[in-house]
N, C-alpha and C. Protein backbone atom coordinates (compact mmCIF):
# COMPACT_ATOMS: atom_id res chain seq x y z
N MET A 1 -2.40 -3.13 -4.38
CA MET A 1 -1.10 -3.74 -4.21
C MET A 1 -1.05 -4.44 -2.86
N LYS A 2 -0.51 -5.64 -2.84
CA LYS A 2 -0.43 -6.41 -1.61
C LYS A 2 0.66 -5.91 -0.68
N LEU A 3 1.82 -5.63 -1.24
CA LEU A 3 2.97 -5.22 -0.45
C LEU A 3 3.21 -3.75 -0.71
N LYS A 4 3.18 -2.96 0.34
CA LYS A 4 3.29 -1.50 0.19
C LYS A 4 4.63 -1.01 0.73
N LEU A 5 5.04 0.15 0.24
CA LEU A 5 6.30 0.75 0.64
C LEU A 5 6.06 2.24 0.89
N ASP A 6 6.50 2.71 2.05
CA ASP A 6 6.45 4.13 2.36
C ASP A 6 7.85 4.70 2.18
N THR A 7 7.93 5.97 1.82
CA THR A 7 9.22 6.61 1.60
C THR A 7 9.18 8.04 2.10
N ASN A 8 10.36 8.56 2.40
CA ASN A 8 10.46 9.96 2.79
C ASN A 8 10.86 10.84 1.60
N TYR A 9 10.94 10.26 0.40
CA TYR A 9 11.28 11.01 -0.80
C TYR A 9 10.01 11.23 -1.63
N PRO A 10 9.56 12.50 -1.73
CA PRO A 10 8.29 12.78 -2.42
C PRO A 10 8.22 12.25 -3.85
N GLU A 11 9.31 12.36 -4.61
CA GLU A 11 9.26 11.91 -6.01
C GLU A 11 9.05 10.39 -6.11
N LEU A 12 9.60 9.64 -5.18
CA LEU A 12 9.37 8.20 -5.15
C LEU A 12 7.95 7.92 -4.67
N GLY A 13 7.52 8.64 -3.68
CA GLY A 13 6.15 8.49 -3.17
C GLY A 13 5.12 8.72 -4.25
N GLU A 14 5.34 9.73 -5.09
CA GLU A 14 4.41 10.04 -6.17
C GLU A 14 4.33 8.88 -7.17
N LYS A 15 5.49 8.30 -7.50
CA LYS A 15 5.50 7.16 -8.42
C LYS A 15 4.75 5.97 -7.82
N LEU A 16 4.97 5.72 -6.54
CA LEU A 16 4.30 4.60 -5.87
C LEU A 16 2.79 4.84 -5.78
N GLU A 17 2.40 6.08 -5.50
CA GLU A 17 0.98 6.40 -5.41
C GLU A 17 0.29 6.24 -6.77
N ALA A 18 0.97 6.66 -7.83
CA ALA A 18 0.40 6.53 -9.18
C ALA A 18 0.15 5.06 -9.52
N ILE A 19 1.07 4.21 -9.12
CA ILE A 19 0.90 2.78 -9.37
C ILE A 19 -0.25 2.23 -8.53
N ALA A 20 -0.31 2.65 -7.28
CA ALA A 20 -1.35 2.16 -6.37
C ALA A 20 -2.75 2.58 -6.84
N LYS A 21 -2.86 3.76 -7.47
CA LYS A 21 -4.16 4.26 -7.91
C LYS A 21 -4.85 3.32 -8.88
N ASP A 22 -4.10 2.88 -9.91
CA ASP A 22 -4.74 2.00 -10.89
C ASP A 22 -4.46 0.52 -10.61
N ASN A 23 -3.67 0.25 -9.57
CA ASN A 23 -3.37 -1.11 -9.14
C ASN A 23 -2.86 -1.97 -10.30
N ARG A 24 -2.05 -1.34 -11.15
CA ARG A 24 -1.52 -1.99 -12.35
C ARG A 24 -0.10 -1.48 -12.56
N VAL A 25 0.82 -2.38 -12.88
CA VAL A 25 2.21 -1.99 -13.12
C VAL A 25 2.64 -2.54 -14.47
N ASP A 26 3.07 -1.64 -15.36
CA ASP A 26 3.58 -2.12 -16.65
C ASP A 26 5.11 -2.11 -16.62
N ASN A 27 5.71 -2.70 -17.65
CA ASN A 27 7.17 -2.81 -17.69
C ASN A 27 7.86 -1.45 -17.66
N GLN A 28 7.29 -0.47 -18.32
CA GLN A 28 7.90 0.86 -18.34
C GLN A 28 7.97 1.47 -16.95
N GLU A 29 6.94 1.23 -16.16
CA GLU A 29 6.95 1.74 -14.78
C GLU A 29 8.05 1.06 -13.97
N VAL A 30 8.21 -0.23 -14.14
CA VAL A 30 9.27 -0.96 -13.43
C VAL A 30 10.63 -0.41 -13.85
N ILE A 31 10.84 -0.27 -15.15
CA ILE A 31 12.11 0.20 -15.68
C ILE A 31 12.39 1.63 -15.22
N SER A 32 11.35 2.43 -15.03
CA SER A 32 11.55 3.83 -14.63
C SER A 32 12.23 3.94 -13.26
N PHE A 33 12.00 2.96 -12.38
CA PHE A 33 12.68 2.97 -11.08
C PHE A 33 14.18 2.76 -11.27
N SER A 34 14.54 1.86 -12.15
CA SER A 34 15.95 1.61 -12.45
C SER A 34 16.61 2.83 -13.07
N ILE A 35 15.90 3.48 -13.98
CA ILE A 35 16.44 4.67 -14.63
C ILE A 35 16.69 5.78 -13.61
N GLU A 36 15.75 5.98 -12.70
CA GLU A 36 15.94 7.00 -11.66
C GLU A 36 17.13 6.67 -10.78
N ALA A 37 17.28 5.40 -10.42
CA ALA A 37 18.43 4.98 -9.60
C ALA A 37 19.73 5.21 -10.35
N ASP A 38 19.74 4.93 -11.65
CA ASP A 38 20.94 5.17 -12.47
C ASP A 38 21.33 6.65 -12.46
N LYS A 39 20.32 7.51 -12.57
CA LYS A 39 20.59 8.95 -12.54
C LYS A 39 21.20 9.37 -11.20
N LEU A 40 20.65 8.84 -10.12
CA LEU A 40 21.16 9.19 -8.79
C LEU A 40 22.57 8.67 -8.57
N ALA A 41 22.88 7.52 -9.13
CA ALA A 41 24.20 6.91 -8.94
C ALA A 41 25.27 7.58 -9.79
N SER A 42 24.86 8.24 -10.85
CA SER A 42 25.82 8.85 -11.76
C SER A 42 26.74 9.83 -11.02
N GLY A 43 28.02 9.55 -11.08
CA GLY A 43 29.00 10.43 -10.46
C GLY A 43 29.28 10.15 -9.00
N LEU A 44 28.49 9.30 -8.36
CA LEU A 44 28.74 8.96 -6.96
C LEU A 44 29.85 7.91 -6.87
N GLN A 45 30.69 8.04 -5.85
CA GLN A 45 31.73 7.04 -5.62
C GLN A 45 31.76 6.72 -4.14
N LEU A 46 31.71 5.44 -3.84
CA LEU A 46 31.85 4.97 -2.47
C LEU A 46 33.20 4.27 -2.37
N THR A 47 33.98 4.59 -1.36
CA THR A 47 35.35 4.07 -1.30
C THR A 47 35.45 2.68 -0.68
N TYR A 48 34.41 2.14 -0.12
CA TYR A 48 34.47 0.83 0.53
C TYR A 48 34.86 -0.28 -0.45
N SER A 49 34.27 -0.24 -1.62
CA SER A 49 34.52 -1.28 -2.61
C SER A 49 34.32 -0.69 -4.00
N GLN A 50 35.17 -1.07 -4.92
CA GLN A 50 35.02 -0.59 -6.28
C GLN A 50 33.70 -1.09 -6.86
N ASN A 51 33.06 -0.26 -7.61
CA ASN A 51 31.83 -0.60 -8.31
C ASN A 51 30.70 -1.06 -7.39
N LEU A 52 30.73 -0.64 -6.15
CA LEU A 52 29.71 -1.08 -5.19
C LEU A 52 28.31 -0.69 -5.64
N LEU A 53 28.12 0.56 -6.03
CA LEU A 53 26.79 1.00 -6.46
C LEU A 53 26.37 0.31 -7.75
N THR A 54 27.29 0.18 -8.69
CA THR A 54 26.97 -0.50 -9.95
C THR A 54 26.57 -1.94 -9.69
N SER A 55 27.29 -2.61 -8.83
CA SER A 55 26.99 -3.99 -8.48
C SER A 55 25.62 -4.10 -7.82
N PHE A 56 25.31 -3.18 -6.92
CA PHE A 56 24.01 -3.17 -6.25
C PHE A 56 22.89 -2.96 -7.28
N GLN A 57 23.07 -2.00 -8.17
CA GLN A 57 22.05 -1.72 -9.18
C GLN A 57 21.83 -2.93 -10.08
N LYS A 58 22.90 -3.58 -10.49
CA LYS A 58 22.79 -4.76 -11.34
C LYS A 58 22.05 -5.87 -10.58
N GLY A 59 22.37 -6.02 -9.29
CA GLY A 59 21.69 -7.02 -8.49
C GLY A 59 20.19 -6.79 -8.41
N VAL A 60 19.79 -5.54 -8.24
CA VAL A 60 18.36 -5.22 -8.18
C VAL A 60 17.71 -5.44 -9.54
N ASP A 61 18.39 -5.04 -10.62
CA ASP A 61 17.85 -5.29 -11.96
C ASP A 61 17.69 -6.79 -12.20
N ASP A 62 18.69 -7.58 -11.80
CA ASP A 62 18.61 -9.03 -11.95
C ASP A 62 17.46 -9.61 -11.11
N LEU A 63 17.31 -9.11 -9.90
CA LEU A 63 16.23 -9.55 -9.02
C LEU A 63 14.87 -9.25 -9.67
N SER A 64 14.74 -8.08 -10.25
CA SER A 64 13.50 -7.70 -10.92
C SER A 64 13.21 -8.64 -12.09
N ASP A 65 14.24 -8.97 -12.86
CA ASP A 65 14.08 -9.92 -13.97
C ASP A 65 13.65 -11.30 -13.46
N GLN A 66 14.26 -11.75 -12.38
CA GLN A 66 13.92 -13.05 -11.82
C GLN A 66 12.46 -13.07 -11.33
N LEU A 67 12.04 -11.97 -10.75
CA LEU A 67 10.65 -11.87 -10.29
C LEU A 67 9.68 -11.99 -11.47
N GLN A 68 10.03 -11.34 -12.57
CA GLN A 68 9.22 -11.44 -13.79
C GLN A 68 9.14 -12.89 -14.25
N LYS A 69 10.27 -13.59 -14.23
CA LYS A 69 10.31 -14.98 -14.67
C LYS A 69 9.51 -15.88 -13.73
N ILE A 70 9.54 -15.59 -12.44
CA ILE A 70 8.73 -16.36 -11.49
C ILE A 70 7.25 -16.20 -11.83
N GLY A 71 6.83 -14.98 -12.12
CA GLY A 71 5.43 -14.74 -12.49
C GLY A 71 5.02 -15.52 -13.73
N ILE A 72 5.90 -15.55 -14.72
CA ILE A 72 5.62 -16.30 -15.95
C ILE A 72 5.56 -17.80 -15.64
N ALA A 73 6.50 -18.27 -14.82
CA ALA A 73 6.53 -19.70 -14.47
C ALA A 73 5.26 -20.11 -13.72
N VAL A 74 4.78 -19.23 -12.84
CA VAL A 74 3.54 -19.53 -12.11
C VAL A 74 2.39 -19.72 -13.09
N LEU A 75 2.32 -18.86 -14.09
CA LEU A 75 1.25 -18.98 -15.09
C LEU A 75 1.40 -20.23 -15.94
N LYS A 76 2.61 -20.47 -16.43
CA LYS A 76 2.84 -21.60 -17.34
C LYS A 76 2.70 -22.95 -16.65
N ASN A 77 3.04 -23.03 -15.38
CA ASN A 77 2.99 -24.30 -14.66
C ASN A 77 1.63 -24.60 -14.06
N LYS A 78 0.68 -23.69 -14.26
CA LYS A 78 -0.69 -23.90 -13.79
C LYS A 78 -0.73 -24.38 -12.35
N LEU A 79 -0.11 -23.60 -11.47
CA LEU A 79 -0.06 -23.95 -10.05
C LEU A 79 -1.45 -23.89 -9.42
N SER A 80 -1.63 -24.67 -8.40
CA SER A 80 -2.88 -24.63 -7.64
C SER A 80 -2.92 -23.31 -6.87
N ALA A 81 -4.08 -22.97 -6.35
CA ALA A 81 -4.22 -21.73 -5.56
C ALA A 81 -3.28 -21.77 -4.36
N GLU A 82 -3.16 -22.93 -3.74
CA GLU A 82 -2.29 -23.07 -2.58
C GLU A 82 -0.81 -22.87 -2.97
N GLU A 83 -0.41 -23.42 -4.10
CA GLU A 83 0.97 -23.26 -4.55
C GLU A 83 1.26 -21.81 -4.93
N LYS A 84 0.31 -21.16 -5.60
CA LYS A 84 0.48 -19.75 -5.94
C LYS A 84 0.65 -18.91 -4.68
N GLU A 85 -0.16 -19.21 -3.66
CA GLU A 85 -0.07 -18.47 -2.41
C GLU A 85 1.29 -18.69 -1.75
N ARG A 86 1.81 -19.90 -1.81
CA ARG A 86 3.14 -20.18 -1.24
C ARG A 86 4.22 -19.41 -1.95
N VAL A 87 4.16 -19.34 -3.29
CA VAL A 87 5.14 -18.57 -4.06
C VAL A 87 5.02 -17.10 -3.70
N ASP A 88 3.80 -16.59 -3.64
CA ASP A 88 3.57 -15.19 -3.29
C ASP A 88 4.13 -14.88 -1.90
N LYS A 89 3.87 -15.73 -0.97
CA LYS A 89 4.34 -15.53 0.41
C LYS A 89 5.87 -15.57 0.46
N LEU A 90 6.46 -16.55 -0.22
CA LEU A 90 7.91 -16.66 -0.28
C LEU A 90 8.54 -15.36 -0.81
N VAL A 91 8.01 -14.87 -1.93
CA VAL A 91 8.55 -13.65 -2.53
C VAL A 91 8.37 -12.46 -1.59
N GLN A 92 7.22 -12.35 -0.94
CA GLN A 92 7.01 -11.24 -0.01
C GLN A 92 7.99 -11.29 1.16
N PHE A 93 8.28 -12.48 1.65
CA PHE A 93 9.25 -12.59 2.73
C PHE A 93 10.64 -12.15 2.26
N GLN A 94 11.01 -12.53 1.04
CA GLN A 94 12.33 -12.13 0.53
C GLN A 94 12.41 -10.62 0.31
N LEU A 95 11.34 -10.03 -0.20
CA LEU A 95 11.33 -8.58 -0.38
C LEU A 95 11.36 -7.87 0.97
N ALA A 96 10.65 -8.43 1.94
CA ALA A 96 10.69 -7.86 3.29
C ALA A 96 12.10 -7.92 3.86
N GLN A 97 12.82 -8.99 3.56
CA GLN A 97 14.22 -9.10 4.01
C GLN A 97 15.03 -7.91 3.51
N LEU A 98 14.85 -7.56 2.26
CA LEU A 98 15.58 -6.41 1.70
C LEU A 98 15.19 -5.11 2.40
N ILE A 99 13.90 -4.92 2.61
CA ILE A 99 13.42 -3.69 3.24
C ILE A 99 13.89 -3.59 4.69
N VAL A 100 13.80 -4.71 5.41
CA VAL A 100 14.25 -4.72 6.80
C VAL A 100 15.75 -4.45 6.88
N ASN A 101 16.51 -5.05 5.98
CA ASN A 101 17.95 -4.82 6.00
C ASN A 101 18.28 -3.37 5.62
N TYR A 102 17.54 -2.81 4.66
CA TYR A 102 17.72 -1.39 4.33
C TYR A 102 17.51 -0.55 5.59
N ASN A 103 16.42 -0.80 6.30
CA ASN A 103 16.13 -0.04 7.50
C ASN A 103 17.22 -0.21 8.56
N ARG A 104 17.79 -1.38 8.62
CA ARG A 104 18.86 -1.64 9.59
C ARG A 104 20.14 -0.88 9.26
N VAL A 105 20.50 -0.81 7.98
CA VAL A 105 21.80 -0.23 7.64
C VAL A 105 21.76 1.21 7.14
N LEU A 106 20.68 1.63 6.50
CA LEU A 106 20.61 3.00 5.95
C LEU A 106 19.41 3.80 6.41
N GLY A 107 18.34 3.15 6.76
CA GLY A 107 17.07 3.84 7.02
C GLY A 107 16.88 4.33 8.42
N LYS A 108 17.95 4.48 9.16
CA LYS A 108 17.84 4.91 10.56
C LYS A 108 17.53 6.38 10.67
């Protein structure tokens, strides 16, 4: 895997390690992260904004779908190696933005 993530939650770490071992991710593995997040969100309420957690989860699910579509578009459009690298770099920067912001607001 090109982009790695460390966590302080053993159950998440185990899932990430399993994926890293075979260096392959199938759709069920991707969906399993969403399912686990849904379980954790069940019954939680944050008073800052209505449906805040639901909105966040939907945003991440939508982001995951868009990432899948970008991968398909890269294949279908037969991008050059340089163009593929630019798309890969762009996506990694955007994902890093999320991780950095997580660390800024919750990961302290």
